[in-house]
Amino acid sequence: VPLHLRNAPTKLMKELDFGKDYRYAHHEADGISNMDCLPPGLIDRVYYEPATRGYEAEIRKRLTAWKSLKRKKGSKSV
């Protein structure tokens, strides 16, 4: 788990930078943060490719829009 996603309930964990630079997407104006949540070895993988028909076509549009926003914000995991 990347350090910025780790909980830091103790002083030691805070000193080890657990949770440092965490960005809560719901606090962002558009609801999207530039935070990368996957470890470097998994960033470039595609885990889901929606179809171009039915409701998956709508999902595809939304995923494309979200990926575009994350790219504009400098995220690597899109």
N, C-alpha and C. Protein backbone atom coordinates (compact mmCIF):
# COMPACT_ATOMS: atom_id res chain seq x y z
N VAL A 1 0.86 -1.18 0.00
CA VAL A 1 0.00 0.00 0.00
C VAL A 1 0.90 1.23 0.00
N PRO A 2 0.69 2.15 -0.93
CA PRO A 2 1.50 3.37 -0.96
C PRO A 2 1.41 4.13 0.37
N LEU A 3 2.51 4.77 0.78
CA LEU A 3 2.55 5.45 2.07
C LEU A 3 1.44 6.47 2.25
N HIS A 4 1.12 7.22 1.21
CA HIS A 4 0.11 8.28 1.37
C HIS A 4 -1.29 7.72 1.62
N LEU A 5 -1.50 6.43 1.39
CA LEU A 5 -2.80 5.81 1.66
C LEU A 5 -2.87 5.13 3.02
N ARG A 6 -1.76 5.04 3.69
CA ARG A 6 -1.72 4.33 4.98
C ARG A 6 -2.21 5.22 6.11
N ASN A 7 -2.96 4.63 7.01
CA ASN A 7 -3.45 5.31 8.20
C ASN A 7 -2.28 5.60 9.13
N ALA A 8 -2.33 6.74 9.83
CA ALA A 8 -1.25 7.11 10.74
C ALA A 8 -1.79 7.39 12.14
N PRO A 9 -2.24 6.36 12.86
CA PRO A 9 -2.81 6.59 14.19
C PRO A 9 -1.77 6.84 15.29
N THR A 10 -0.50 6.60 15.02
CA THR A 10 0.52 6.80 16.05
C THR A 10 1.53 7.85 15.60
N LYS A 11 2.25 8.39 16.57
CA LYS A 11 3.28 9.39 16.28
C LYS A 11 4.36 8.81 15.37
N LEU A 12 4.76 7.57 15.65
CA LEU A 12 5.79 6.93 14.83
C LEU A 12 5.34 6.82 13.37
N MET A 13 4.12 6.41 13.15
CA MET A 13 3.62 6.27 11.77
C MET A 13 3.58 7.62 11.07
N LYS A 14 3.23 8.68 11.79
CA LYS A 14 3.26 10.03 11.20
C LYS A 14 4.68 10.42 10.85
N GLU A 15 5.63 10.09 11.73
CA GLU A 15 7.04 10.39 11.46
C GLU A 15 7.56 9.61 10.26
N LEU A 16 6.99 8.45 10.01
CA LEU A 16 7.37 7.64 8.85
C LEU A 16 6.61 8.04 7.58
N ASP A 17 5.88 9.14 7.66
CA ASP A 17 5.12 9.73 6.54
C ASP A 17 3.90 8.92 6.11
N PHE A 18 3.38 8.08 6.98
CA PHE A 18 2.12 7.42 6.66
C PHE A 18 1.05 8.50 6.50
N GLY A 19 0.28 8.44 5.43
CA GLY A 19 -0.80 9.39 5.20
C GLY A 19 -0.37 10.75 4.69
N LYS A 20 0.92 10.99 4.52
CA LYS A 20 1.40 12.29 4.04
C LYS A 20 0.94 12.52 2.60
N ASP A 21 0.48 13.72 2.32
CA ASP A 21 0.02 14.14 0.98
C ASP A 21 -1.25 13.42 0.52
N TYR A 22 -1.99 12.85 1.45
CA TYR A 22 -3.27 12.22 1.08
C TYR A 22 -4.24 13.30 0.62
N ARG A 23 -4.94 13.05 -0.48
CA ARG A 23 -5.92 14.00 -1.03
C ARG A 23 -7.28 13.33 -1.04
N TYR A 24 -8.20 13.87 -0.29
CA TYR A 24 -9.55 13.32 -0.21
C TYR A 24 -10.35 13.87 -1.39
N ALA A 25 -10.71 13.02 -2.33
CA ALA A 25 -11.36 13.46 -3.57
C ALA A 25 -12.64 14.26 -3.32
N HIS A 26 -13.37 13.93 -2.27
CA HIS A 26 -14.63 14.64 -1.99
C HIS A 26 -14.40 16.08 -1.57
N HIS A 27 -13.18 16.43 -1.20
CA HIS A 27 -12.87 17.82 -0.85
C HIS A 27 -12.42 18.62 -2.07
N GLU A 28 -12.22 17.98 -3.18
CA GLU A 28 -11.83 18.66 -4.42
C GLU A 28 -13.08 19.25 -5.08
N ALA A 29 -12.94 20.37 -5.73
CA ALA A 29 -14.08 21.06 -6.35
C ALA A 29 -14.83 20.16 -7.34
N ASP A 30 -14.10 19.37 -8.12
CA ASP A 30 -14.73 18.51 -9.12
C ASP A 30 -14.86 17.05 -8.66
N GLY A 31 -14.48 16.79 -7.41
CA GLY A 31 -14.61 15.44 -6.86
C GLY A 31 -13.54 14.47 -7.32
N ILE A 32 -12.48 14.98 -7.97
CA ILE A 32 -11.41 14.13 -8.48
C ILE A 32 -10.07 14.66 -7.96
N SER A 33 -9.26 13.80 -7.38
CA SER A 33 -7.94 14.23 -6.93
C SER A 33 -6.88 13.71 -7.90
N ASN A 34 -5.69 14.26 -7.78
CA ASN A 34 -4.59 13.80 -8.64
C ASN A 34 -3.79 12.69 -7.97
N MET A 35 -4.28 12.20 -6.85
CA MET A 35 -3.57 11.20 -6.08
C MET A 35 -3.54 9.85 -6.81
N ASP A 36 -2.36 9.27 -6.87
CA ASP A 36 -2.21 7.93 -7.44
C ASP A 36 -2.39 6.91 -6.32
N CYS A 37 -3.27 5.96 -6.52
CA CYS A 37 -3.60 4.99 -5.48
C CYS A 37 -3.00 3.61 -5.73
N LEU A 38 -2.43 3.41 -6.88
CA LEU A 38 -1.81 2.12 -7.20
C LEU A 38 -0.30 2.22 -7.06
N PRO A 39 0.35 1.13 -6.67
CA PRO A 39 1.81 1.14 -6.65
C PRO A 39 2.36 1.26 -8.07
N PRO A 40 3.58 1.78 -8.23
CA PRO A 40 4.14 2.02 -9.57
C PRO A 40 4.04 0.83 -10.53
N GLY A 41 4.22 -0.37 -10.08
CA GLY A 41 4.17 -1.53 -10.96
C GLY A 41 2.79 -1.86 -11.52
N LEU A 42 1.77 -1.24 -10.97
CA LEU A 42 0.39 -1.53 -11.41
C LEU A 42 -0.28 -0.35 -12.11
N ILE A 43 0.38 0.79 -12.17
CA ILE A 43 -0.24 2.01 -12.71
C ILE A 43 -0.67 1.87 -14.16
N ASP A 44 0.13 1.24 -15.00
CA ASP A 44 -0.16 1.20 -16.44
C ASP A 44 -1.08 0.07 -16.88
N ARG A 45 -1.55 -0.73 -15.96
CA ARG A 45 -2.41 -1.86 -16.33
C ARG A 45 -3.86 -1.41 -16.53
N VAL A 46 -4.56 -2.08 -17.44
CA VAL A 46 -5.98 -1.83 -17.66
C VAL A 46 -6.74 -2.97 -16.99
N TYR A 47 -7.61 -2.62 -16.04
CA TYR A 47 -8.33 -3.63 -15.27
C TYR A 47 -9.77 -3.82 -15.74
N TYR A 48 -10.28 -2.84 -16.47
CA TYR A 48 -11.67 -2.93 -16.93
C TYR A 48 -11.79 -2.12 -18.21
N GLU A 49 -12.38 -2.71 -19.22
CA GLU A 49 -12.61 -2.04 -20.49
C GLU A 49 -14.09 -2.19 -20.82
N PRO A 50 -14.89 -1.13 -20.58
CA PRO A 50 -16.32 -1.25 -20.84
C PRO A 50 -16.63 -1.41 -22.32
N ALA A 51 -17.71 -2.11 -22.60
CA ALA A 51 -18.16 -2.31 -23.98
C ALA A 51 -18.67 -0.98 -24.54
N THR A 52 -18.92 -0.96 -25.84
CA THR A 52 -19.41 0.26 -26.49
C THR A 52 -20.92 0.25 -26.67
N ARG A 53 -21.60 -0.68 -26.04
CA ARG A 53 -23.05 -0.78 -26.19
C ARG A 53 -23.71 -0.84 -24.81
N GLY A 54 -25.01 -0.58 -24.80
CA GLY A 54 -25.77 -0.65 -23.56
C GLY A 54 -25.27 0.35 -22.53
N TYR A 55 -25.49 0.04 -21.27
CA TYR A 55 -25.09 0.96 -20.20
C TYR A 55 -23.57 1.09 -20.11
N GLU A 56 -22.86 0.09 -20.57
CA GLU A 56 -21.40 0.18 -20.52
C GLU A 56 -20.88 1.32 -21.40
N ALA A 57 -21.64 1.71 -22.41
CA ALA A 57 -21.24 2.86 -23.23
C ALA A 57 -21.24 4.12 -22.38
N GLU A 58 -22.21 4.26 -21.48
CA GLU A 58 -22.25 5.41 -20.56
C GLU A 58 -21.09 5.34 -19.58
N ILE A 59 -20.80 4.16 -19.08
CA ILE A 59 -19.67 3.98 -18.17
C ILE A 59 -18.37 4.38 -18.88
N ARG A 60 -18.23 3.97 -20.14
CA ARG A 60 -17.04 4.32 -20.93
C ARG A 60 -16.88 5.84 -21.02
N LYS A 61 -17.98 6.56 -21.27
CA LYS A 61 -17.92 8.03 -21.36
C LYS A 61 -17.45 8.63 -20.04
N ARG A 62 -18.01 8.14 -18.95
CA ARG A 62 -17.64 8.68 -17.63
C ARG A 62 -16.18 8.39 -17.30
N LEU A 63 -15.75 7.16 -17.56
CA LEU A 63 -14.35 6.81 -17.29
C LEU A 63 -13.40 7.67 -18.12
N THR A 64 -13.76 7.92 -19.37
CA THR A 64 -12.93 8.76 -20.24
C THR A 64 -12.84 10.18 -19.69
N ALA A 65 -13.96 10.72 -19.24
CA ALA A 65 -13.97 12.07 -18.66
C ALA A 65 -13.14 12.13 -17.39
N TRP A 66 -13.28 11.14 -16.51
CA TRP A 66 -12.52 11.11 -15.26
C TRP A 66 -11.03 10.98 -15.53
N LYS A 67 -10.67 10.14 -16.48
CA LYS A 67 -9.26 9.97 -16.82
C LYS A 67 -8.67 11.27 -17.34
N SER A 68 -9.44 11.99 -18.15
CA SER A 68 -8.99 13.26 -18.68
C SER A 68 -8.74 14.27 -17.55
N LEU A 69 -9.65 14.34 -16.59
CA LEU A 69 -9.48 15.24 -15.45
C LEU A 69 -8.24 14.86 -14.64
N LYS A 70 -8.05 13.58 -14.39
CA LYS A 70 -6.88 13.14 -13.62
C LYS A 70 -5.58 13.46 -14.35
N ARG A 71 -5.56 13.30 -15.68
CA ARG A 71 -4.37 13.64 -16.46
C ARG A 71 -4.06 15.13 -16.34
N LYS A 72 -5.10 15.97 -16.45
CA LYS A 72 -4.91 17.42 -16.34
C LYS A 72 -4.35 17.81 -14.98
N LYS A 73 -4.68 17.03 -13.96
CA LYS A 73 -4.19 17.31 -12.61
C LYS A 73 -2.83 16.69 -12.34
N GLY A 74 -2.29 15.94 -13.30
CA GLY A 74 -0.95 15.38 -13.17
C GLY A 74 -0.87 13.97 -12.63
N SER A 75 -1.99 13.28 -12.57
CA SER A 75 -1.98 11.90 -12.08
C SER A 75 -1.33 10.98 -13.11
N LYS A 76 -0.62 9.98 -12.61
CA LYS A 76 0.00 8.98 -13.50
C LYS A 76 -0.91 7.78 -13.70
N SER A 77 -1.79 7.54 -12.75
CA SER A 77 -2.63 6.33 -12.81
C SER A 77 -3.97 6.63 -13.48
N VAL A 78 -3.94 6.70 -14.78
CA VAL A 78 -5.19 6.93 -15.53
C VAL A 78 -5.35 5.90 -16.62
